[in-house]
Amino acid sequence: MNSISDHHSDSHNSAQVPIDFAFVLASSVHDMKNSLGMLLHTLAEMMESSPPKDAEQARFFSTLEYEAARINGELVQLLSLYKMDEKTLAILIDEHHAIDIIEEQIARNDTLLKSRNIDIQIDCDPDLVWYFDNELVGGVLNNLIVNCARYCKKQLLVSATEENGFLCIAVADDGQGYPDSMLLGPLPQAAVSFNSGNTKLGLLFARKVLELHKTKKGQGYMTIANNGPLGGGVLKLYLP
């Protein structure tokens, strides 16, 4: 009797394969990202073929697109952070025109910006070139534009300049400014709030991407401030 019981117990234990939750989550996120990308594409086509008939419908479409774009951006960031943690994220640093990455992310959010009647301006020397990973920095900039589109009143300003040997890409808005919790201390150390849904994921992703850019001058970093050029908040990305 004892031997059968012991054998059953061993068999039961050997069947308990540990779940690699991070891998399962990353695989699910990848799947969701693809589905959401298809949904965003379908939504853009639908809005093009059947434009909103009035202001209320325009706001409805705008909310749909904003939320879908925001979730899609967060899924991309989650997947990238997982790959960074697993040391499997490919970093492709090459020479790029700063104006190109700015115009690319604005074009990506064209429907969202138009539906919210946001006037977005660019201040960048067309000949300004720098070395960075276009995909990763583009992801950070895209996240900034999507978020600022929600909180600004009607204006955004995206600029790129050289400051003390660093490329500075700044996104300024005419909104109420950033809360004190985002202005205090090292970024993004403020506590995660599950009640408000504010996980600071965008800030964490931005910081990690900037830290991947290192030269003899130092590594990338960012600053957040209020009273920017448009009167609201301004977030600056610095790349060495």
C-alpha atoms as a PDB file:
ATOM      1  CA  MET A   1       0.000   0.000   0.000  1.00  0.00           C
ATOM      2  CA  ASN A   2       2.711   2.377   1.031  1.00  0.00           C
ATOM      3  CA  SER A   3       4.695   1.852  -2.154  1.00  0.00           C
ATOM      4  CA  ILE A   4       1.644   2.614  -4.353  1.00  0.00           C
ATOM      5  CA  SER A   5       0.903   5.750  -2.336  1.00  0.00           C
ATOM      6  CA  ASP A   6       4.530   6.911  -2.582  1.00  0.00           C
ATOM      7  CA  HIS A   7       4.607   6.265  -6.331  1.00  0.00           C
ATOM      8  CA  HIS A   8       1.361   8.219  -6.812  1.00  0.00           C
ATOM      9  CA  SER A   9       2.784  11.135  -4.822  1.00  0.00           C
ATOM     10  CA  ASP A  10       6.013  11.198  -6.866  1.00  0.00           C
ATOM     11  CA  SER A  11       4.047  11.056 -10.109  1.00  0.00           C
ATOM     12  CA  HIS A  12       1.843  13.934  -8.984  1.00  0.00           C
ATOM     13  CA  ASN A  13       4.853  16.077  -8.037  1.00  0.00           C
ATOM     14  CA  SER A  14       6.703  15.425 -11.296  1.00  0.00           C
ATOM     15  CA  ALA A  15       3.625  16.541 -13.233  1.00  0.00           C
ATOM     16  CA  GLN A  16       3.705  19.970 -11.615  1.00  0.00           C
ATOM     17  CA  VAL A  17       5.734  21.809 -14.227  1.00  0.00           C
ATOM     18  CA  PRO A  18       6.602  25.308 -12.978  1.00  0.00           C
ATOM     19  CA  ILE A  19       4.994  28.074 -15.008  1.00  0.00           C
ATOM     20  CA  ASP A  20       7.309  30.726 -16.407  1.00  0.00           C
ATOM     21  CA  PHE A  21       4.789  33.501 -15.845  1.00  0.00           C
ATOM     22  CA  ALA A  22       6.962  36.199 -17.432  1.00  0.00           C
ATOM     23  CA  PHE A  23       7.232  34.175 -20.645  1.00  0.00           C
ATOM     24  CA  VAL A  24       3.488  33.409 -20.710  1.00  0.00           C
ATOM     25  CA  LEU A  25       2.712  37.082 -20.117  1.00  0.00           C
ATOM     26  CA  ALA A  26       5.147  38.216 -22.825  1.00  0.00           C
ATOM     27  CA  SER A  27       3.628  35.767 -25.337  1.00  0.00           C
ATOM     28  CA  SER A  28       0.109  36.978 -24.510  1.00  0.00           C
ATOM     29  CA  VAL A  29       1.179  40.613 -24.764  1.00  0.00           C
ATOM     30  CA  HIS A  30       2.682  39.943 -28.203  1.00  0.00           C
ATOM     31  CA  ASP A  31      -0.626  38.412 -29.332  1.00  0.00           C
ATOM     32  CA  MET A  32      -2.704  41.270 -27.911  1.00  0.00           C
ATOM     33  CA  LYS A  33      -0.399  43.850 -29.514  1.00  0.00           C
ATOM     34  CA  ASN A  34      -0.944  42.311 -32.958  1.00  0.00           C
ATOM     35  CA  SER A  35      -4.732  42.194 -32.493  1.00  0.00           C
ATOM     36  CA  LEU A  36      -4.835  45.775 -31.264  1.00  0.00           C
ATOM     37  CA  GLY A  37      -2.683  46.917 -34.185  1.00  0.00           C
ATOM     38  CA  MET A  38      -5.247  45.375 -36.551  1.00  0.00           C
ATOM     39  CA  LEU A  39      -8.070  47.056 -34.630  1.00  0.00           C
ATOM     40  CA  LEU A  40      -6.364  50.470 -34.896  1.00  0.00           C
ATOM     41  CA  HIS A  41      -5.836  49.979 -38.643  1.00  0.00           C
ATOM     42  CA  THR A  42      -9.512  49.019 -39.094  1.00  0.00           C
ATOM     43  CA  LEU A  43     -10.623  52.013 -37.018  1.00  0.00           C
ATOM     44  CA  ALA A  44      -8.533  54.400 -39.155  1.00  0.00           C
ATOM     45  CA  GLU A  45     -10.008  52.929 -42.362  1.00  0.00           C
ATOM     46  CA  MET A  46     -13.539  53.172 -40.950  1.00  0.00           C
ATOM     47  CA  MET A  47     -13.059  56.829 -40.003  1.00  0.00           C
ATOM     48  CA  GLU A  48     -11.691  57.572 -43.481  1.00  0.00           C
ATOM     49  CA  SER A  49     -14.570  55.884 -45.311  1.00  0.00           C
ATOM     50  CA  SER A  50     -17.252  57.140 -42.888  1.00  0.00           C
ATOM     51  CA  PRO A  51     -16.108  60.449 -41.345  1.00  0.00           C
ATOM     52  CA  PRO A  52     -17.886  61.567 -38.155  1.00  0.00           C
ATOM     53  CA  LYS A  53     -21.152  63.391 -38.881  1.00  0.00           C
ATOM     54  CA  ASP A  54     -21.045  65.737 -35.902  1.00  0.00           C
ATOM     55  CA  ALA A  55     -18.893  66.873 -32.954  1.00  0.00           C
ATOM     56  CA  GLU A  56     -20.289  64.212 -30.617  1.00  0.00           C
ATOM     57  CA  GLN A  57     -19.431  61.399 -33.028  1.00  0.00           C
ATOM     58  CA  ALA A  58     -15.972  62.929 -33.589  1.00  0.00           C
ATOM     59  CA  ARG A  59     -15.351  62.863 -29.816  1.00  0.00           C
ATOM     60  CA  PHE A  60     -16.518  59.243 -29.702  1.00  0.00           C
ATOM     61  CA  PHE A  61     -14.076  58.221 -32.454  1.00  0.00           C
ATOM     62  CA  SER A  62     -11.328  60.272 -30.806  1.00  0.00           C
ATOM     63  CA  THR A  63     -11.802  58.479 -27.461  1.00  0.00           C
ATOM     64  CA  LEU A  64     -11.802  55.086 -29.184  1.00  0.00           C
ATOM     65  CA  GLU A  65      -8.594  55.823 -31.052  1.00  0.00           C
ATOM     66  CA  TYR A  66      -6.835  57.388 -28.083  1.00  0.00           C
ATOM     67  CA  GLU A  67      -7.563  54.459 -25.756  1.00  0.00           C
ATOM     68  CA  ALA A  68      -6.633  51.856 -28.396  1.00  0.00           C
ATOM     69  CA  ALA A  69      -3.396  53.714 -29.234  1.00  0.00           C
ATOM     70  CA  ARG A  70      -2.543  54.089 -25.547  1.00  0.00           C
ATOM     71  CA  ILE A  71      -3.060  50.379 -24.808  1.00  0.00           C
ATOM     72  CA  ASN A  72      -1.129  49.386 -27.931  1.00  0.00           C
ATOM     73  CA  GLY A  73       1.747  51.618 -26.830  1.00  0.00           C
ATOM     74  CA  GLU A  74       1.768  50.103 -23.341  1.00  0.00           C
ATOM     75  CA  LEU A  75       1.819  46.561 -24.749  1.00  0.00           C
ATOM     76  CA  VAL A  76       4.809  47.445 -26.954  1.00  0.00           C
ATOM     77  CA  GLN A  77       6.572  48.931 -23.921  1.00  0.00           C
ATOM     78  CA  LEU A  78       5.831  45.852 -21.781  1.00  0.00           C
ATOM     79  CA  LEU A  79       7.225  43.563 -24.460  1.00  0.00           C
ATOM     80  CA  SER A  80      10.347  45.705 -24.854  1.00  0.00           C
ATOM     81  CA  LEU A  81      10.920  45.824 -21.072  1.00  0.00           C
ATOM     82  CA  TYR A  82      10.616  42.017 -20.937  1.00  0.00           C
ATOM     83  CA  LYS A  83      13.202  41.675 -23.719  1.00  0.00           C
ATOM     84  CA  MET A  84      15.498  44.148 -21.922  1.00  0.00           C
ATOM     85  CA  ASP A  85      15.211  42.050 -18.749  1.00  0.00           C
ATOM     86  CA  GLU A  86      15.942  38.862 -20.712  1.00  0.00           C
ATOM     87  CA  LYS A  87      18.850  40.588 -22.507  1.00  0.00           C
ATOM     88  CA  THR A  88      17.258  39.690 -25.854  1.00  0.00           C
ATOM     89  CA  LEU A  89      16.357  43.171 -27.086  1.00  0.00           C
ATOM     90  CA  ALA A  90      18.298  44.111 -30.218  1.00  0.00           C
ATOM     91  CA  ILE A  91      19.701  47.644 -30.022  1.00  0.00           C
ATOM     92  CA  LEU A  92      20.294  49.153 -33.470  1.00  0.00           C
ATOM     93  CA  ILE A  93      22.022  52.504 -33.033  1.00  0.00           C
ATOM     94  CA  ASP A  94      22.546  54.280 -36.334  1.00  0.00           C
ATOM     95  CA  GLU A  95      22.657  57.802 -37.754  1.00  0.00           C
ATOM     96  CA  HIS A  96      19.247  59.446 -38.201  1.00  0.00           C
ATOM     97  CA  HIS A  97      17.850  62.871 -38.977  1.00  0.00           C
ATOM     98  CA  ALA A  98      16.012  64.133 -35.888  1.00  0.00           C
ATOM     99  CA  ILE A  99      13.308  65.718 -38.073  1.00  0.00           C
ATOM    100  CA  ASP A 100      12.491  62.307 -39.588  1.00  0.00           C
ATOM    101  CA  ILE A 101      11.711  60.597 -36.279  1.00  0.00           C
ATOM    102  CA  ILE A 102       9.554  63.556 -35.188  1.00  0.00           C
ATOM    103  CA  GLU A 103       7.560  63.688 -38.444  1.00  0.00           C
ATOM    104  CA  GLU A 104       7.157  59.887 -38.435  1.00  0.00           C
ATOM    105  CA  GLN A 105       5.553  59.825 -34.956  1.00  0.00           C
ATOM    106  CA  ILE A 106       3.306  62.810 -35.749  1.00  0.00           C
ATOM    107  CA  ALA A 107       2.122  61.115 -38.971  1.00  0.00           C
ATOM    108  CA  ARG A 108       1.472  57.940 -36.966  1.00  0.00           C
ATOM    109  CA  ASN A 109      -0.968  59.882 -34.792  1.00  0.00           C
ATOM    110  CA  ASP A 110      -2.438  62.076 -37.530  1.00  0.00           C
ATOM    111  CA  THR A 111      -6.030  60.843 -37.107  1.00  0.00           C
ATOM    112  CA  LEU A 112      -5.913  61.220 -33.327  1.00  0.00           C
ATOM    113  CA  LEU A 113      -4.492  64.762 -33.513  1.00  0.00           C
ATOM    114  CA  LYS A 114      -6.998  65.859 -36.158  1.00  0.00           C
ATOM    115  CA  SER A 115      -9.986  64.395 -34.316  1.00  0.00           C
ATOM    116  CA  ARG A 116      -8.987  66.391 -31.226  1.00  0.00           C
ATOM    117  CA  ASN A 117      -8.305  69.564 -33.276  1.00  0.00           C
ATOM    118  CA  ILE A 118      -4.757  69.734 -31.938  1.00  0.00           C
ATOM    119  CA  ASP A 119      -2.297  72.049 -33.648  1.00  0.00           C
ATOM    120  CA  ILE A 120       1.139  70.410 -33.495  1.00  0.00           C
ATOM    121  CA  GLN A 121       4.241  72.403 -34.366  1.00  0.00           C
ATOM    122  CA  ILE A 122       7.783  71.226 -35.082  1.00  0.00           C
ATOM    123  CA  ASP A 123      10.935  73.184 -34.264  1.00  0.00           C
ATOM    124  CA  CYS A 124      13.941  71.280 -35.620  1.00  0.00           C
ATOM    125  CA  ASP A 125      16.872  71.971 -37.943  1.00  0.00           C
ATOM    126  CA  PRO A 126      16.314  69.625 -40.932  1.00  0.00           C
ATOM    127  CA  ASP A 127      20.090  68.965 -41.043  1.00  0.00           C
ATOM    128  CA  LEU A 128      20.348  67.882 -37.384  1.00  0.00           C
ATOM    129  CA  VAL A 129      21.582  64.250 -37.312  1.00  0.00           C
ATOM    130  CA  TRP A 130      22.311  61.989 -34.340  1.00  0.00           C
ATOM    131  CA  TYR A 131      23.046  58.372 -33.448  1.00  0.00           C
ATOM    132  CA  PHE A 132      20.229  56.469 -31.715  1.00  0.00           C
ATOM    133  CA  ASP A 133      17.927  53.457 -32.007  1.00  0.00           C
ATOM    134  CA  ASN A 134      15.130  54.806 -34.219  1.00  0.00           C
ATOM    135  CA  GLU A 135      12.572  52.152 -33.190  1.00  0.00           C
ATOM    136  CA  LEU A 136      13.041  52.533 -29.428  1.00  0.00           C
ATOM    137  CA  VAL A 137      13.327  56.328 -29.313  1.00  0.00           C
ATOM    138  CA  GLY A 138      10.378  56.495 -31.748  1.00  0.00           C
ATOM    139  CA  GLY A 139       8.352  54.384 -29.295  1.00  0.00           C
ATOM    140  CA  VAL A 140       9.147  56.780 -26.441  1.00  0.00           C
ATOM    141  CA  LEU A 141       8.274  59.826 -28.556  1.00  0.00           C
ATOM    142  CA  ASN A 142       5.054  58.216 -29.784  1.00  0.00           C
ATOM    143  CA  ASN A 143       3.982  57.525 -26.194  1.00  0.00           C
ATOM    144  CA  LEU A 144       4.680  61.160 -25.276  1.00  0.00           C
ATOM    145  CA  ILE A 145       2.634  62.526 -28.191  1.00  0.00           C
ATOM    146  CA  VAL A 146      -0.328  60.203 -27.455  1.00  0.00           C
ATOM    147  CA  ASN A 147      -0.348  61.182 -23.767  1.00  0.00           C
ATOM    148  CA  CYS A 148       0.079  64.893 -24.427  1.00  0.00           C
ATOM    149  CA  ALA A 149      -2.762  64.754 -26.971  1.00  0.00           C
ATOM    150  CA  ARG A 150      -5.033  63.786 -24.094  1.00  0.00           C
ATOM    151  CA  TYR A 151      -3.955  66.449 -21.617  1.00  0.00           C
ATOM    152  CA  CYS A 152      -3.241  69.456 -23.815  1.00  0.00           C
ATOM    153  CA  LYS A 153      -5.879  72.060 -24.699  1.00  0.00           C
ATOM    154  CA  LYS A 154      -5.147  72.593 -28.375  1.00  0.00           C
ATOM    155  CA  GLN A 155      -1.385  72.935 -28.934  1.00  0.00           C
ATOM    156  CA  LEU A 156       1.714  70.728 -28.903  1.00  0.00           C
ATOM    157  CA  LEU A 157       5.292  71.645 -29.731  1.00  0.00           C
ATOM    158  CA  VAL A 158       7.912  69.000 -30.565  1.00  0.00           C
ATOM    159  CA  SER A 159      11.447  70.327 -30.841  1.00  0.00           C
ATOM    160  CA  ALA A 160      14.961  68.942 -31.262  1.00  0.00           C
ATOM    161  CA  THR A 161      18.182  70.805 -30.519  1.00  0.00           C
ATOM    162  CA  GLU A 162      21.765  70.066 -29.517  1.00  0.00           C
ATOM    163  CA  GLU A 163      22.476  70.936 -25.871  1.00  0.00           C
ATOM    164  CA  ASN A 164      25.922  70.482 -24.322  1.00  0.00           C
ATOM    165  CA  GLY A 165      26.817  67.587 -26.604  1.00  0.00           C
ATOM    166  CA  PHE A 166      23.436  65.861 -26.181  1.00  0.00           C
ATOM    167  CA  LEU A 167      20.475  65.673 -28.557  1.00  0.00           C
ATOM    168  CA  CYS A 168      17.460  67.122 -26.735  1.00  0.00           C
ATOM    169  CA  ILE A 169      14.014  66.106 -28.027  1.00  0.00           C
ATOM    170  CA  ALA A 170      11.306  68.008 -26.154  1.00  0.00           C
ATOM    171  CA  VAL A 171       7.515  67.691 -26.151  1.00  0.00           C
ATOM    172  CA  ALA A 172       5.683  70.711 -24.724  1.00  0.00           C
ATOM    173  CA  ASP A 173       1.939  71.257 -24.323  1.00  0.00           C
ATOM    174  CA  ASP A 174      -0.507  73.977 -23.299  1.00  0.00           C
ATOM    175  CA  GLY A 175      -2.233  71.870 -20.638  1.00  0.00           C
ATOM    176  CA  GLN A 176      -2.348  72.085 -16.828  1.00  0.00           C
ATOM    177  CA  GLY A 177       1.210  70.797 -16.401  1.00  0.00           C
ATOM    178  CA  TYR A 178       2.565  67.669 -14.738  1.00  0.00           C
ATOM    179  CA  PRO A 179       1.507  66.730 -11.181  1.00  0.00           C
ATOM    180  CA  ASP A 180       4.000  67.282  -8.349  1.00  0.00           C
ATOM    181  CA  SER A 181       4.435  63.514  -7.925  1.00  0.00           C
ATOM    182  CA  MET A 182       6.055  63.374 -11.370  1.00  0.00           C
ATOM    183  CA  LEU A 183       8.283  66.399 -10.760  1.00  0.00           C
ATOM    184  CA  LEU A 184       9.798  65.247  -7.462  1.00  0.00           C
ATOM    185  CA  GLY A 185      12.771  62.949  -7.112  1.00  0.00           C
ATOM    186  CA  PRO A 186      14.498  60.596  -9.565  1.00  0.00           C
ATOM    187  CA  LEU A 187      12.319  59.319 -12.413  1.00  0.00           C
ATOM    188  CA  PRO A 188      10.187  57.288 -12.275  1.00  0.00           C
ATOM    189  CA  GLN A 189      10.369  56.370  -8.598  1.00  0.00           C
ATOM    190  CA  ALA A 190       6.888  57.639  -7.640  1.00  0.00           C
ATOM    191  CA  ALA A 191       4.669  54.866  -6.312  1.00  0.00           C
ATOM    192  CA  VAL A 192       2.495  52.775  -8.601  1.00  0.00           C
ATOM    193  CA  SER A 193      -1.206  53.467  -8.090  1.00  0.00           C
ATOM    194  CA  PHE A 194      -3.558  50.624  -9.011  1.00  0.00           C
ATOM    195  CA  ASN A 195      -6.580  52.726  -8.014  1.00  0.00           C
ATOM    196  CA  SER A 196      -5.795  55.454 -10.534  1.00  0.00           C
ATOM    197  CA  GLY A 197      -4.319  52.986 -13.013  1.00  0.00           C
ATOM    198  CA  ASN A 198      -1.108  55.027 -13.121  1.00  0.00           C
ATOM    199  CA  THR A 199       1.725  52.488 -13.288  1.00  0.00           C
ATOM    200  CA  LYS A 200       4.326  54.989 -14.583  1.00  0.00           C
ATOM    201  CA  LEU A 201       5.046  52.420 -17.308  1.00  0.00           C
ATOM    202  CA  GLY A 202       5.717  55.097 -19.926  1.00  0.00           C
ATOM    203  CA  LEU A 203       8.275  56.787 -17.680  1.00  0.00           C
ATOM    204  CA  LEU A 204       9.966  53.486 -16.842  1.00  0.00           C
ATOM    205  CA  PHE A 205      10.159  52.534 -20.530  1.00  0.00           C
ATOM    206  CA  ALA A 206      11.534  55.967 -21.475  1.00  0.00           C
ATOM    207  CA  ARG A 207      14.182  55.832 -18.768  1.00  0.00           C
ATOM    208  CA  LYS A 208      15.293  52.315 -19.743  1.00  0.00           C
ATOM    209  CA  VAL A 209      15.513  53.241 -23.446  1.00  0.00           C
ATOM    210  CA  LEU A 210      17.553  56.354 -22.648  1.00  0.00           C
ATOM    211  CA  GLU A 211      19.884  54.345 -20.385  1.00  0.00           C
ATOM    212  CA  LEU A 212      20.624  52.014 -23.312  1.00  0.00           C
ATOM    213  CA  HIS A 213      22.142  54.974 -25.154  1.00  0.00           C
ATOM    214  CA  LYS A 214      25.663  55.420 -23.756  1.00  0.00           C
ATOM    215  CA  THR A 215      28.805  57.120 -25.009  1.00  0.00           C
ATOM    216  CA  LYS A 216      31.915  58.605 -23.385  1.00  0.00           C
ATOM    217  CA  LYS A 217      29.814  61.723 -22.699  1.00  0.00           C
ATOM    218  CA  GLY A 218      27.502  59.711 -20.455  1.00  0.00           C
ATOM    219  CA  GLN A 219      24.127  58.025 -20.829  1.00  0.00           C
ATOM    220  CA  GLY A 220      20.717  59.269 -21.882  1.00  0.00           C
ATOM    221  CA  TYR A 221      18.349  60.831 -19.358  1.00  0.00           C
ATOM    222  CA  MET A 222      15.154  62.882 -19.206  1.00  0.00           C
ATOM    223  CA  THR A 223      13.707  65.845 -17.350  1.00  0.00           C
ATOM    224  CA  ILE A 224      10.120  66.871 -16.589  1.00  0.00           C
ATOM    225  CA  ALA A 225       9.094  70.435 -15.840  1.00  0.00           C
ATOM    226  CA  ASN A 226       6.150  72.826 -15.925  1.00  0.00           C
ATOM    227  CA  ASN A 227       5.838  76.361 -17.323  1.00  0.00           C
ATOM    228  CA  GLY A 228       7.180  75.185 -20.677  1.00  0.00           C
ATOM    229  CA  PRO A 229       7.205  77.182 -23.934  1.00  0.00           C
ATOM    230  CA  LEU A 230       3.429  76.704 -24.365  1.00  0.00           C
ATOM    231  CA  GLY A 231       2.631  77.397 -20.715  1.00  0.00           C
ATOM    232  CA  GLY A 232       2.030  73.749 -19.747  1.00  0.00           C
ATOM    233  CA  GLY A 233       4.338  70.798 -19.134  1.00  0.00           C
ATOM    234  CA  VAL A 234       7.510  69.945 -21.041  1.00  0.00           C
ATOM    235  CA  LEU A 235       9.311  66.601 -21.057  1.00  0.00           C
ATOM    236  CA  LYS A 236      12.826  66.456 -22.509  1.00  0.00           C
ATOM    237  CA  LEU A 237      14.719  63.399 -23.723  1.00  0.00           C
ATOM    238  CA  TYR A 238      18.516  63.710 -23.765  1.00  0.00           C
ATOM    239  CA  LEU A 239      20.601  61.391 -25.959  1.00  0.00           C
ATOM    240  CA  PRO A 240      24.437  61.419 -25.793  1.00  0.00           C
END
